[in-house]
Protein backbone atom coordinates (compact mmCIF):
# COMPACT_ATOMS: atom_id res chain seq x y z
CA MET A 1 11.94 -8.86 -1.60
CA SER A 2 12.77 -10.66 -4.79
CA ILE A 3 11.33 -9.53 -8.01
CA ARG A 4 10.31 -12.49 -10.18
CA TYR A 5 9.59 -10.60 -13.39
CA SER A 6 11.65 -10.38 -16.42
CA ASN A 7 10.07 -7.27 -17.59
CA TYR A 8 10.66 -5.45 -14.49
CA ARG A 9 14.25 -4.60 -15.57
CA LEU A 10 12.80 -3.47 -18.98
CA PHE A 11 10.47 -0.95 -17.55
CA ARG A 12 12.56 0.10 -14.40
CA ARG A 13 9.45 0.72 -12.19
CA ALA A 14 7.02 -1.15 -10.14
CA ILE A 15 3.88 0.97 -10.25
CA PRO A 16 1.79 0.22 -7.03
CA ALA A 17 2.42 -0.09 -3.60
CA GLY A 18 -1.15 -1.27 -2.90
CA VAL A 19 -4.37 -1.57 -5.08
CA GLY A 20 -8.09 -0.65 -4.58
CA PRO A 21 -11.25 -1.73 -6.19
CA ALA A 22 -11.17 -0.59 -9.79
CA ASN A 23 -13.57 -2.41 -11.50
CA ALA A 24 -17.16 -0.94 -12.25
CA HIS A 25 -18.62 -4.47 -11.88
CA ALA A 26 -16.98 -4.78 -8.34
CA GLY A 27 -19.25 -2.11 -6.94
CA TRP A 28 -17.80 1.22 -8.27
CA TYR A 29 -19.95 3.25 -10.85
CA GLY A 30 -18.29 4.55 -13.97
CA ASP A 31 -14.81 4.60 -14.16
CA CYS A 32 -12.43 1.71 -13.91
CA GLY A 33 -8.70 1.11 -13.16
CA SER A 34 -6.72 3.74 -11.56
CA SER A 35 -9.61 6.35 -12.15
CA ALA A 36 -11.58 4.55 -9.59
CA SER A 37 -8.91 3.26 -7.20
CA ALA A 38 -6.84 6.36 -6.87
CA PRO A 39 -9.24 8.63 -5.58
CA ALA A 40 -10.59 5.69 -3.09
CA MET A 41 -7.03 5.31 -1.83
CA ALA A 42 -6.44 8.95 -1.30
CA ALA A 43 -9.69 9.14 0.55
CA MET A 44 -8.64 6.22 2.84
CA PHE A 45 -5.12 7.91 3.69
CA ALA A 46 -6.84 11.16 4.17
CA MET A 47 -9.30 9.40 6.71
CA LEU A 48 -5.98 7.84 8.45
CA ASN A 49 -4.43 11.40 8.66
CA ASN A 50 -7.77 12.80 10.19
CA GLU A 51 -7.72 10.20 12.82
CA ARG A 52 -4.13 10.94 13.66
CA LEU A 53 -4.68 14.81 13.69
CA ALA A 54 -7.67 14.50 15.96
CA LYS A 55 -5.41 12.62 18.58
CA GLY A 56 -2.40 15.21 18.15
CA ARG A 57 -0.42 13.03 16.01
CA PRO A 58 1.32 14.24 12.76
CA ALA A 59 0.18 13.54 9.32
CA LEU A 60 1.57 10.38 7.61
CA GLY A 61 3.72 12.01 4.78
CA PHE A 62 5.73 9.89 2.52
CA LEU A 63 3.53 6.56 2.81
CA ASN A 64 5.89 3.78 1.32
CA PRO A 65 7.98 2.94 4.41
CA MET A 66 4.89 2.67 6.68
CA LEU A 67 3.02 0.62 4.20
CA PHE A 68 5.94 -1.98 3.65
CA LYS A 69 6.55 -2.18 7.41
CA ALA A 70 2.75 -2.68 8.20
CA ALA A 71 2.73 -5.50 5.39
CA ALA A 72 5.84 -7.12 6.97
CA GLU A 73 4.99 -6.71 10.59
CA HIS A 74 1.38 -6.37 11.57
CA ARG A 75 -0.69 -9.37 12.49
CA GLY A 76 0.62 -11.76 9.79
CA GLY A 77 -0.18 -9.41 6.87
CA ALA A 78 -3.68 -8.23 8.03
CA ALA A 79 -3.12 -4.67 6.98
CA PHE A 80 -3.55 -5.99 3.23
CA ALA A 81 -5.50 -8.56 1.61
CA ASP A 82 -3.37 -10.21 -1.05
CA VAL A 83 -4.62 -10.01 -4.75
CA SER A 84 -3.28 -12.93 -6.72
CA ALA A 85 -5.52 -12.95 -9.88
CA GLY A 86 -5.25 -10.56 -12.81
CA ASP A 87 -2.74 -8.57 -14.79
CA ASN A 88 -2.14 -5.17 -15.96
CA LYS A 89 -1.29 -6.04 -19.73
CA TRP A 90 -1.83 -3.75 -22.51
CA PRO A 91 -1.71 -4.18 -26.30
CA VAL A 92 1.74 -2.90 -27.57
CA GLN A 93 1.21 -3.78 -31.10
CA CYS A 94 -2.33 -4.73 -31.81
CA PHE A 95 -1.67 -5.85 -35.25
CA LEU A 96 1.01 -8.41 -34.07
CA ASN A 97 -1.42 -9.37 -31.09
CA GLN A 98 1.55 -8.67 -28.64
CA SER A 99 1.10 -7.21 -25.07
CA ALA A 100 3.13 -5.87 -22.27
CA GLY A 101 2.63 -5.88 -18.55
CA PHE A 102 2.74 -8.22 -15.48
CA VAL A 103 0.69 -11.17 -14.08
CA SER A 104 -0.48 -11.00 -10.44
CA GLN A 105 0.90 -13.57 -8.07
CA LYS A 106 0.85 -14.40 -4.30
CA GLY A 107 2.70 -11.71 -2.30
CA TRP A 108 4.21 -8.61 -3.66
CA ASP A 109 3.83 -8.03 -7.26
CA PRO A 110 4.09 -5.20 -9.79
CA VAL A 111 0.31 -5.53 -10.72
CA THR A 112 -1.19 -5.07 -7.19
CA GLY A 113 1.70 -4.16 -4.97
CA LEU A 114 1.11 -5.20 -1.33
CA GLY A 115 -2.53 -5.78 -2.16
CA ASN A 116 -5.74 -4.28 -1.12
CA PRO A 117 -5.25 -2.13 2.29
CA ASN A 118 -7.49 -2.77 5.30
CA PHE A 119 -8.20 0.91 6.85
CA ARG A 120 -9.00 -0.64 10.35
CA GLU A 121 -5.89 -2.80 10.34
CA LEU A 122 -3.55 0.04 9.09
CA LEU A 123 -5.19 2.38 11.82
CA LYS A 124 -4.30 -0.16 14.49
CA PHE A 125 -0.82 -0.59 13.04
CA LEU A 126 -0.34 3.18 13.36
CA GLU A 127 -1.67 3.47 16.81
CA HIS A 128 0.76 0.46 17.94
CA MET A 129 3.72 2.13 16.23
CA ASP A 130 2.88 5.53 17.94
CA GLY A 131 2.68 3.51 21.28
CA VAL A 132 6.09 2.11 20.63
CA ARG A 133 7.53 5.51 19.73
CA ASP A 134 6.09 7.15 22.94
CA ALA A 135 7.43 4.19 25.02
CA ARG A 136 10.96 4.61 23.48
CA LYS A 137 10.73 8.44 24.22
CA GLN A 138 9.74 8.06 27.64
CA LYS A 139 12.35 5.53 28.35
CA GLN A 140 15.05 7.91 26.85
CA ALA A 141 13.60 10.75 28.99
CA GLN A 142 14.04 8.61 32.01
CA GLU A 143 17.64 7.66 31.18
CA GLY A 144 18.52 11.13 30.13
CA GLU A 145 19.23 10.13 26.53
CA PRO A 146 18.72 12.79 23.73
CA ASP A 147 15.51 12.44 21.76
CA ARG A 148 15.95 10.88 18.26
């Protein structure tokens, strides 16, 4: 993945892996920004974990590898809705009218990450990956290979 942002090197971090609704005018009441989206994202991943635990599967743990794999491999990107408009600019020196931040673009960007996650598609992806893992373990057991 190439990062096309000159300020990325300056700040040395890309904040989001994904994004959620964070505008009071988009259906949330009260808070905006990460105060609205972070709890919604946490709730979605808690629901994914609940689905997994109910089926005897382990909790997700560190999410980033799964998120990027789902974005790259699952049904042509159906796990995330790309967000290609907006920015996360903030005033740096108000009296000079300067700002810092990034502008959202098509694909991954440091404003919205992979995009807005789709719960149902992420659940389907996880179920598919569990099936792949189960098939691999079964094949290894049949061939007498050690479990990895």
